[in-house]
PDB file of all heavy atoms in Angstrom:
ATOM      1  N   LEU A   1     116.597  97.078  99.948  1.00  0.00           N
ATOM      2  CA  LEU A   1     115.678  98.203  99.971  1.00  0.00           C
ATOM      3  C   LEU A   1     114.334  97.778 100.551  1.00  0.00           C
ATOM      4  O   LEU A   1     113.815  96.708 100.234  1.00  0.00           O
ATOM      5  CB  LEU A   1     115.478  98.756  98.559  1.00  0.00           C
ATOM      6  CG  LEU A   1     116.683  99.455  97.942  1.00  0.00           C
ATOM      7  CD1 LEU A   1     116.354  99.878  96.522  1.00  0.00           C
ATOM      8  CD2 LEU A   1     117.096 100.649  98.778  1.00  0.00           C
ATOM      9  N   VAL A   2     113.781  98.649 101.399  1.00  0.00           N
ATOM     10  CA  VAL A   2     112.477  98.401 102.013  1.00  0.00           C
ATOM     11  C   VAL A   2     111.630  99.653 101.881  1.00  0.00           C
ATOM     12  O   VAL A   2     112.117 100.732 101.547  1.00  0.00           O
ATOM     13  CB  VAL A   2     112.622  98.018 103.513  1.00  0.00           C
ATOM     14  CG1 VAL A   2     113.309  96.678 103.662  1.00  0.00           C
ATOM     15  CG2 VAL A   2     113.369  99.118 104.258  1.00  0.00           C
ATOM     16  N   TYR A   3     110.342  99.495 102.194  1.00  0.00           N
ATOM     17  CA  TYR A   3     109.395 100.609 102.139  1.00  0.00           C
ATOM     18  C   TYR A   3     108.755 100.766 103.517  1.00  0.00           C
ATOM     19  O   TYR A   3     108.260  99.802 104.100  1.00  0.00           O
ATOM     20  CB  TYR A   3     108.313 100.346 101.085  1.00  0.00           C
ATOM     21  CG  TYR A   3     108.849 100.365  99.676  1.00  0.00           C
ATOM     22  CD1 TYR A   3     109.486  99.252  99.144  1.00  0.00           C
ATOM     23  CD2 TYR A   3     108.728 101.508  98.886  1.00  0.00           C
ATOM     24  CE1 TYR A   3     109.986  99.268  97.848  1.00  0.00           C
ATOM     25  CE2 TYR A   3     109.222 101.526  97.596  1.00  0.00           C
ATOM     26  CZ  TYR A   3     109.853 100.411  97.083  1.00  0.00           C
ATOM     27  OH  TYR A   3     110.348 100.442  95.812  1.00  0.00           O
ATOM     28  N   ARG A   4     108.822 101.969 104.003  1.00  0.00           N
ATOM     29  CA  ARG A   4     108.285 102.243 105.339  1.00  0.00           C
ATOM     30  C   ARG A   4     106.762 102.164 105.313  1.00  0.00           C
ATOM     31  O   ARG A   4     106.114 102.695 104.424  1.00  0.00           O
ATOM     32  CB  ARG A   4     108.730 103.630 105.809  1.00  0.00           C
ATOM     33  CG  ARG A   4     108.232 104.025 107.178  1.00  0.00           C
ATOM     34  CD  ARG A   4     108.980 105.265 107.673  1.00  0.00           C
ATOM     35  NE  ARG A   4     109.000 106.305 106.658  1.00  0.00           N
ATOM     36  CZ  ARG A   4     108.053 107.239 106.552  1.00  0.00           C
ATOM     37  NH1 ARG A   4     107.032 107.252 107.399  1.00  0.00           N
ATOM     38  NH2 ARG A   4     108.152 108.165 105.623  1.00  0.00           N
ATOM     39  N   ALA A   5     106.200 101.525 106.333  1.00  0.00           N
ATOM     40  CA  ALA A   5     104.746 101.382 106.441  1.00  0.00           C
ATOM     41  C   ALA A   5     104.303 101.815 107.828  1.00  0.00           C
ATOM     42  O   ALA A   5     105.065 101.754 108.798  1.00  0.00           O
ATOM     43  CB  ALA A   5     104.315  99.938 106.185  1.00  0.00           C
ATOM     44  N   ARG A   6     103.074 102.248 107.899  1.00  0.00           N
ATOM     45  CA  ARG A   6     102.475 102.674 109.167  1.00  0.00           C
ATOM     46  C   ARG A   6     101.232 101.820 109.398  1.00  0.00           C
ATOM     47  O   ARG A   6     100.287 101.878 108.615  1.00  0.00           O
ATOM     48  CB  ARG A   6     102.128 104.154 109.113  1.00  0.00           C
ATOM     49  CG  ARG A   6     101.521 104.710 110.384  1.00  0.00           C
ATOM     50  CD  ARG A   6     101.235 106.193 110.221  1.00  0.00           C
ATOM     51  NE  ARG A   6     102.451 106.960 109.992  1.00  0.00           N
ATOM     52  CZ  ARG A   6     102.468 108.212 109.566  1.00  0.00           C
ATOM     53  NH1 ARG A   6     101.328 108.826 109.286  1.00  0.00           N
ATOM     54  NH2 ARG A   6     103.615 108.843 109.386  1.00  0.00           N
ATOM     55  N   ILE A   7     101.269 101.054 110.460  1.00  0.00           N
ATOM     56  CA  ILE A   7     100.144 100.196 110.801  1.00  0.00           C
ATOM     57  C   ILE A   7      99.475 100.766 112.039  1.00  0.00           C
ATOM     58  O   ILE A   7     100.068 100.804 113.122  1.00  0.00           O
ATOM     59  CB  ILE A   7     100.597  98.741 111.055  1.00  0.00           C
ATOM     60  CG1 ILE A   7     101.127  98.110 109.762  1.00  0.00           C
ATOM     61  CG2 ILE A   7      99.431  97.912 111.576  1.00  0.00           C
ATOM     62  CD1 ILE A   7     102.581  98.343 109.515  1.00  0.00           C
ATOM     63  N   PHE A   8      98.260 101.244 111.877  1.00  0.00           N
ATOM     64  CA  PHE A   8      97.522 101.812 112.989  1.00  0.00           C
ATOM     65  C   PHE A   8      97.054 100.703 113.923  1.00  0.00           C
ATOM     66  O   PHE A   8      96.699  99.598 113.475  1.00  0.00           O
ATOM     67  CB  PHE A   8      96.328 102.622 112.493  1.00  0.00           C
ATOM     68  CG  PHE A   8      96.724 103.906 111.827  1.00  0.00           C
ATOM     69  CD1 PHE A   8      96.868 103.987 110.456  1.00  0.00           C
ATOM     70  CD2 PHE A   8      96.980 105.032 112.591  1.00  0.00           C
ATOM     71  CE1 PHE A   8      97.250 105.168 109.842  1.00  0.00           C
ATOM     72  CE2 PHE A   8      97.360 106.218 111.987  1.00  0.00           C
ATOM     73  CZ  PHE A   8      97.501 106.286 110.619  1.00  0.00           C
ATOM     74  N   ALA A   9      97.038 100.992 115.220  1.00  0.00           N
ATOM     75  CA  ALA A   9      96.696  99.996 116.226  1.00  0.00           C
ATOM     76  C   ALA A   9      95.565 100.492 117.104  1.00  0.00           C
ATOM     77  O   ALA A   9      95.451 101.694 117.390  1.00  0.00           O
ATOM     78  CB  ALA A   9      97.916  99.677 117.091  1.00  0.00           C
ATOM     79  N   CYS A  10      94.737  99.558 117.537  1.00  0.00           N
ATOM     80  CA  CYS A  10      93.665  99.841 118.496  1.00  0.00           C
ATOM     81  C   CYS A  10      94.152  99.428 119.880  1.00  0.00           C
ATOM     82  O   CYS A  10      94.371  98.229 120.128  1.00  0.00           O
ATOM     83  CB  CYS A  10      92.402  99.078 118.128  1.00  0.00           C
ATOM     84  SG  CYS A  10      91.777  99.448 116.467  1.00  0.00           S
ATOM     85  N   ASP A  11      94.327 100.386 120.740  1.00  0.00           N
ATOM     86  CA  ASP A  11      94.853 100.109 122.081  1.00  0.00           C
ATOM     87  C   ASP A  11      94.083 100.928 123.102  1.00  0.00           C
ATOM     88  O   ASP A  11      94.593 101.915 123.644  1.00  0.00           O
ATOM     89  CB  ASP A  11      96.348 100.445 122.123  1.00  0.00           C
ATOM     90  CG  ASP A  11      96.983 100.142 123.469  1.00  0.00           C
ATOM     91  OD1 ASP A  11      96.442  99.284 124.189  1.00  0.00           O
ATOM     92  OD2 ASP A  11      98.006 100.775 123.798  1.00  0.00           O
ATOM     93  N   PRO A  12      92.832 100.570 123.390  1.00  0.00           N
ATOM     94  CA  PRO A  12      92.021 101.383 124.310  1.00  0.00           C
ATOM     95  C   PRO A  12      92.557 101.406 125.734  1.00  0.00           C
ATOM     96  O   PRO A  12      92.322 102.358 126.464  1.00  0.00           O
ATOM     97  CB  PRO A  12      90.638 100.717 124.237  1.00  0.00           C
ATOM     98  CG  PRO A  12      90.900  99.322 123.767  1.00  0.00           C
ATOM     99  CD  PRO A  12      92.093  99.410 122.871  1.00  0.00           C
ATOM    100  N   GLN A  13      93.284 100.367 126.148  1.00  0.00           N
ATOM    101  CA  GLN A  13      93.823 100.333 127.518  1.00  0.00           C
ATOM    102  C   GLN A  13      95.180 101.020 127.636  1.00  0.00           C
ATOM    103  O   GLN A  13      95.775 101.038 128.719  1.00  0.00           O
ATOM    104  CB  GLN A  13      93.959  98.875 128.004  1.00  0.00           C
ATOM    105  CG  GLN A  13      92.653  98.224 128.408  1.00  0.00           C
ATOM    106  CD  GLN A  13      91.818  97.816 127.200  1.00  0.00           C
ATOM    107  OE1 GLN A  13      92.376  97.446 126.159  1.00  0.00           O
ATOM    108  NE2 GLN A  13      90.513  97.874 127.320  1.00  0.00           N
ATOM    109  N   GLN A  14      95.703 101.524 126.537  1.00  0.00           N
ATOM    110  CA  GLN A  14      96.992 102.222 126.528  1.00  0.00           C
ATOM    111  C   GLN A  14      98.099 101.328 127.076  1.00  0.00           C
ATOM    112  O   GLN A  14      98.899 101.711 127.935  1.00  0.00           O
ATOM    113  CB  GLN A  14      96.900 103.521 127.346  1.00  0.00           C
ATOM    114  CG  GLN A  14      95.838 104.479 126.880  1.00  0.00           C
ATOM    115  CD  GLN A  14      96.058 104.929 125.446  1.00  0.00           C
ATOM    116  OE1 GLN A  14      97.177 105.215 125.055  1.00  0.00           O
ATOM    117  NE2 GLN A  14      95.006 104.961 124.666  1.00  0.00           N
ATOM    118  N   GLU A  15      98.184 100.129 126.529  1.00  0.00           N
ATOM    119  CA  GLU A  15      99.202  99.174 126.963  1.00  0.00           C
ATOM    120  C   GLU A  15     100.458  99.238 126.115  1.00  0.00           C
ATOM    121  O   GLU A  15     101.531  98.831 126.552  1.00  0.00           O
ATOM    122  CB  GLU A  15      98.626  97.754 126.928  1.00  0.00           C
ATOM    123  CG  GLU A  15      97.466  97.549 127.903  1.00  0.00           C
ATOM    124  CD  GLU A  15      96.767  96.226 127.716  1.00  0.00           C
ATOM    125  OE1 GLU A  15      96.884  95.646 126.613  1.00  0.00           O
ATOM    126  OE2 GLU A  15      96.101  95.778 128.658  1.00  0.00           O
ATOM    127  N   LEU A  16     100.352  99.715 124.909  1.00  0.00           N
ATOM    128  CA  LEU A  16     101.511  99.831 124.031  1.00  0.00           C
ATOM    129  C   LEU A  16     102.242 101.132 124.314  1.00  0.00           C
ATOM    130  O   LEU A  16     101.642 102.203 124.357  1.00  0.00           O
ATOM    131  CB  LEU A  16     101.067  99.780 122.562  1.00  0.00           C
ATOM    132  CG  LEU A  16     100.370  98.493 122.117  1.00  0.00           C
ATOM    133  CD1 LEU A  16      99.926  98.607 120.667  1.00  0.00           C
ATOM    134  CD2 LEU A  16     101.290  97.293 122.298  1.00  0.00           C
ATOM    135  N   ARG A  17     103.537 101.040 124.502  1.00  0.00           N
ATOM    136  CA  ARG A  17     104.353 102.196 124.854  1.00  0.00           C
ATOM    137  C   ARG A  17     105.257 102.587 123.686  1.00  0.00           C
ATOM    138  O   ARG A  17     105.546 101.779 122.801  1.00  0.00           O
ATOM    139  CB  ARG A  17     105.214 101.878 126.084  1.00  0.00           C
ATOM    140  CG  ARG A  17     104.406 101.479 127.307  1.00  0.00           C
ATOM    141  CD  ARG A  17     103.561 102.624 127.815  1.00  0.00           C
ATOM    142  NE  ARG A  17     102.799 102.256 128.996  1.00  0.00           N
ATOM    143  CZ  ARG A  17     101.995 103.086 129.653  1.00  0.00           C
ATOM    144  NH1 ARG A  17     101.852 104.330 129.217  1.00  0.00           N
ATOM    145  NH2 ARG A  17     101.333 102.681 130.705  1.00  0.00           N
ATOM    146  N   LEU A  18     105.715 103.806 123.740  1.00  0.00           N
ATOM    147  CA  LEU A  18     106.566 104.329 122.682  1.00  0.00           C
ATOM    148  C   LEU A  18     107.848 103.522 122.585  1.00  0.00           C
ATOM    149  O   LEU A  18     108.532 103.282 123.582  1.00  0.00           O
ATOM    150  CB  LEU A  18     106.884 105.798 122.952  1.00  0.00           C
ATOM    151  CG  LEU A  18     107.809 106.486 121.959  1.00  0.00           C
ATOM    152  CD1 LEU A  18     107.170 106.531 120.588  1.00  0.00           C
ATOM    153  CD2 LEU A  18     108.159 107.885 122.432  1.00  0.00           C
ATOM    154  N   GLY A  19     108.178 103.074 121.366  1.00  0.00           N
ATOM    155  CA  GLY A  19     109.397 102.322 121.123  1.00  0.00           C
ATOM    156  C   GLY A  19     109.289 100.833 121.365  1.00  0.00           C
ATOM    157  O   GLY A  19     110.261 100.097 121.131  1.00  0.00           O
ATOM    158  N   MET A  20     108.155 100.347 121.843  1.00  0.00           N
ATOM    159  CA  MET A  20     108.003  98.925 122.154  1.00  0.00           C
ATOM    160  C   MET A  20     108.079  98.098 120.872  1.00  0.00           C
ATOM    161  O   MET A  20     107.395  98.397 119.901  1.00  0.00           O
ATOM    162  CB  MET A  20     106.666  98.706 122.870  1.00  0.00           C
ATOM    163  CG  MET A  20     106.406  97.265 123.257  1.00  0.00           C
ATOM    164  SD  MET A  20     104.778  97.089 124.040  1.00  0.00           S
ATOM    165  CE  MET A  20     105.053  97.992 125.571  1.00  0.00           C
ATOM    166  N   PRO A  21     108.884  97.006 120.850  1.00  0.00           N
ATOM    167  CA  PRO A  21     108.912  96.131 119.668  1.00  0.00           C
ATOM    168  C   PRO A  21     107.588  95.404 119.505  1.00  0.00           C
ATOM    169  O   PRO A  21     107.013  94.907 120.472  1.00  0.00           O
ATOM    170  CB  PRO A  21     110.055  95.154 119.976  1.00  0.00           C
ATOM    171  CG  PRO A  21     110.843  95.801 121.064  1.00  0.00           C
ATOM    172  CD  PRO A  21     109.882  96.617 121.853  1.00  0.00           C
ATOM    173  N   VAL A  22     107.117  95.339 118.278  1.00  0.00           N
ATOM    174  CA  VAL A  22     105.819  94.735 117.988  1.00  0.00           C
ATOM    175  C   VAL A  22     105.951  93.866 116.744  1.00  0.00           C
ATOM    176  O   VAL A  22     106.657  94.227 115.793  1.00  0.00           O
ATOM    177  CB  VAL A  22     104.736  95.819 117.775  1.00  0.00           C
ATOM    178  CG1 VAL A  22     103.417  95.182 117.352  1.00  0.00           C
ATOM    179  CG2 VAL A  22     104.539  96.631 119.032  1.00  0.00           C
ATOM    180  N   THR A  23     105.275  92.718 116.772  1.00  0.00           N
ATOM    181  CA  THR A  23     105.178  91.856 115.605  1.00  0.00           C
ATOM    182  C   THR A  23     103.829  92.074 114.947  1.00  0.00           C
ATOM    183  O   THR A  23     102.789  92.041 115.611  1.00  0.00           O
ATOM    184  CB  THR A  23     105.330  90.381 116.002  1.00  0.00           C
ATOM    185  OG1 THR A  23     106.591  90.188 116.645  1.00  0.00           O
ATOM    186  CG2 THR A  23     105.250  89.482 114.771  1.00  0.00           C
ATOM    187  N   VAL A  24     103.847  92.309 113.643  1.00  0.00           N
ATOM    188  CA  VAL A  24     102.636  92.619 112.893  1.00  0.00           C
ATOM    189  C   VAL A  24     102.377  91.499 111.898  1.00  0.00           C
ATOM    190  O   VAL A  24     103.267  91.138 111.115  1.00  0.00           O
ATOM    191  CB  VAL A  24     102.765  93.962 112.149  1.00  0.00           C
ATOM    192  CG1 VAL A  24     101.488  94.276 111.386  1.00  0.00           C
ATOM    193  CG2 VAL A  24     103.098  95.077 113.127  1.00  0.00           C
ATOM    194  N   ASN A  25     101.188  90.956 111.935  1.00  0.00           N
ATOM    195  CA  ASN A  25     100.762  89.946 110.972  1.00  0.00           C
ATOM    196  C   ASN A  25      99.655  90.539 110.108  1.00  0.00           C
ATOM    197  O   ASN A  25      98.609  90.936 110.622  1.00  0.00           O
ATOM    198  CB  ASN A  25     100.255  88.693 111.684  1.00  0.00           C
ATOM    199  CG  ASN A  25     101.367  87.964 112.421  1.00  0.00           C
ATOM    200  OD1 ASN A  25     102.481  87.852 111.922  1.00  0.00           O
ATOM    201  ND2 ASN A  25     101.078  87.478 113.629  1.00  0.00           N
ATOM    202  N   ILE A  26      99.907  90.578 108.817  1.00  0.00           N
ATOM    203  CA  ILE A  26      98.948  91.130 107.866  1.00  0.00           C
ATOM    204  C   ILE A  26      98.411  89.983 107.019  1.00  0.00           C
ATOM    205  O   ILE A  26      99.177  89.224 106.418  1.00  0.00           O
ATOM    206  CB  ILE A  26      99.601  92.190 106.965  1.00  0.00           C
ATOM    207  CG1 ILE A  26     100.188  93.323 107.815  1.00  0.00           C
ATOM    208  CG2 ILE A  26      98.588  92.751 105.973  1.00  0.00           C
ATOM    209  CD1 ILE A  26     100.956  94.337 107.008  1.00  0.00           C
ATOM    210  N   ASP A  27      97.100  89.860 106.995  1.00  0.00           N
ATOM    211  CA  ASP A  27      96.456  88.833 106.189  1.00  0.00           C
ATOM    212  C   ASP A  27      96.306  89.370 104.771  1.00  0.00           C
ATOM    213  O   ASP A  27      95.362  90.087 104.459  1.00  0.00           O
ATOM    214  CB  ASP A  27      95.099  88.461 106.782  1.00  0.00           C
ATOM    215  CG  ASP A  27      94.496  87.236 106.106  1.00  0.00           C
ATOM    216  OD1 ASP A  27      95.107  86.738 105.133  1.00  0.00           O
ATOM    217  OD2 ASP A  27      93.427  86.782 106.545  1.00  0.00           O
ATOM    218  N   THR A  28      97.256  89.013 103.927  1.00  0.00           N
ATOM    219  CA  THR A  28      97.246  89.534 102.559  1.00  0.00           C
ATOM    220  C   THR A  28      96.162  88.895 101.703  1.00  0.00           C
ATOM    221  O   THR A  28      95.895  89.367 100.588  1.00  0.00           O
ATOM    222  CB  THR A  28      98.610  89.309 101.901  1.00  0.00           C
ATOM    223  OG1 THR A  28      98.913  87.904 101.905  1.00  0.00           O
ATOM    224  CG2 THR A  28      99.697  90.065 102.646  1.00  0.00           C
ATOM    225  N   ALA A  29      95.540  87.804 102.226  1.00  0.00           N
ATOM    226  CA  ALA A  29      94.455  87.191 101.461  1.00  0.00           C
ATOM    227  C   ALA A  29      93.216  88.054 101.456  1.00  0.00           C
ATOM    228  O   ALA A  29      92.379  87.974 100.553  1.00  0.00           O
ATOM    229  CB  ALA A  29      94.124  85.803 102.035  1.00  0.00           C
ATOM    230  N   LYS A  30      93.084  88.895 102.483  1.00  0.00           N
ATOM    231  CA  LYS A  30      91.950  89.808 102.549  1.00  0.00           C
ATOM    232  C   LYS A  30      92.323  91.098 101.844  1.00  0.00           C
ATOM    233  O   LYS A  30      93.418  91.630 102.056  1.00  0.00           O
ATOM    234  CB  LYS A  30      91.566  90.084 104.002  1.00  0.00           C
ATOM    235  CG  LYS A  30      91.076  88.843 104.742  1.00  0.00           C
ATOM    236  CD  LYS A  30      90.675  89.198 106.159  1.00  0.00           C
ATOM    237  CE  LYS A  30      90.177  87.963 106.916  1.00  0.00           C
ATOM    238  NZ  LYS A  30      89.777  88.279 108.291  1.00  0.00           N
ATOM    239  N   GLY A  31      91.406  91.571 101.047  1.00  0.00           N
ATOM    240  CA  GLY A  31      91.674  92.806 100.311  1.00  0.00           C
ATOM    241  C   GLY A  31      91.668  94.005 101.217  1.00  0.00           C
ATOM    242  O   GLY A  31      91.923  93.919 102.422  1.00  0.00           O
ATOM    243  N   GLY A  32      91.370  95.132 100.670  1.00  0.00           N
ATOM    244  CA  GLY A  32      91.361  96.363 101.446  1.00  0.00           C
ATOM    245  C   GLY A  32      90.117  96.488 102.310  1.00  0.00           C
ATOM    246  O   GLY A  32      89.350  97.424 102.164  1.00  0.00           O
ATOM    247  N   ALA A  33      89.905  95.498 103.172  1.00  0.00           N
ATOM    248  CA  ALA A  33      88.726  95.519 104.058  1.00  0.00           C
ATOM    249  C   ALA A  33      89.010  96.454 105.211  1.00  0.00           C
ATOM    250  O   ALA A  33      89.137  96.048 106.358  1.00  0.00           O
ATOM    251  CB  ALA A  33      88.402  94.111 104.546  1.00  0.00           C
ATOM    252  N   SER A  34      89.150  97.724 104.884  1.00  0.00           N
ATOM    253  CA  SER A  34      89.565  98.693 105.903  1.00  0.00           C
ATOM    254  C   SER A  34      88.500  98.926 106.942  1.00  0.00           C
ATOM    255  O   SER A  34      88.790  99.181 108.099  1.00  0.00           O
ATOM    256  CB  SER A  34      89.961 100.007 105.238  1.00  0.00           C
ATOM    257  OG  SER A  34      88.864 100.525 104.495  1.00  0.00           O
ATOM    258  N   ASP A  35      87.232  98.860 106.546  1.00  0.00           N
ATOM    259  CA  ASP A  35      86.186  99.160 107.505  1.00  0.00           C
ATOM    260  C   ASP A  35      86.147  98.132 108.625  1.00  0.00           C
ATOM    261  O   ASP A  35      85.838  98.462 109.776  1.00  0.00           O
ATOM    262  CB  ASP A  35      84.816  99.185 106.789  1.00  0.00           C
ATOM    263  CG  ASP A  35      84.727 100.357 105.830  1.00  0.00           C
ATOM    264  OD1 ASP A  35      85.495 101.315 106.035  1.00  0.00           O
ATOM    265  OD2 ASP A  35      83.914 100.293 104.893  1.00  0.00           O
TER     266      ASP A  35
END
């Protein structure tokens, strides 16, 4: 069992395309430093 997550990305040059495989690294040592 897994939980679906949505990771927002900053892509001002529009280089990421729909369906492109992406590796996401989340620094869990940092709290909710959303700003």
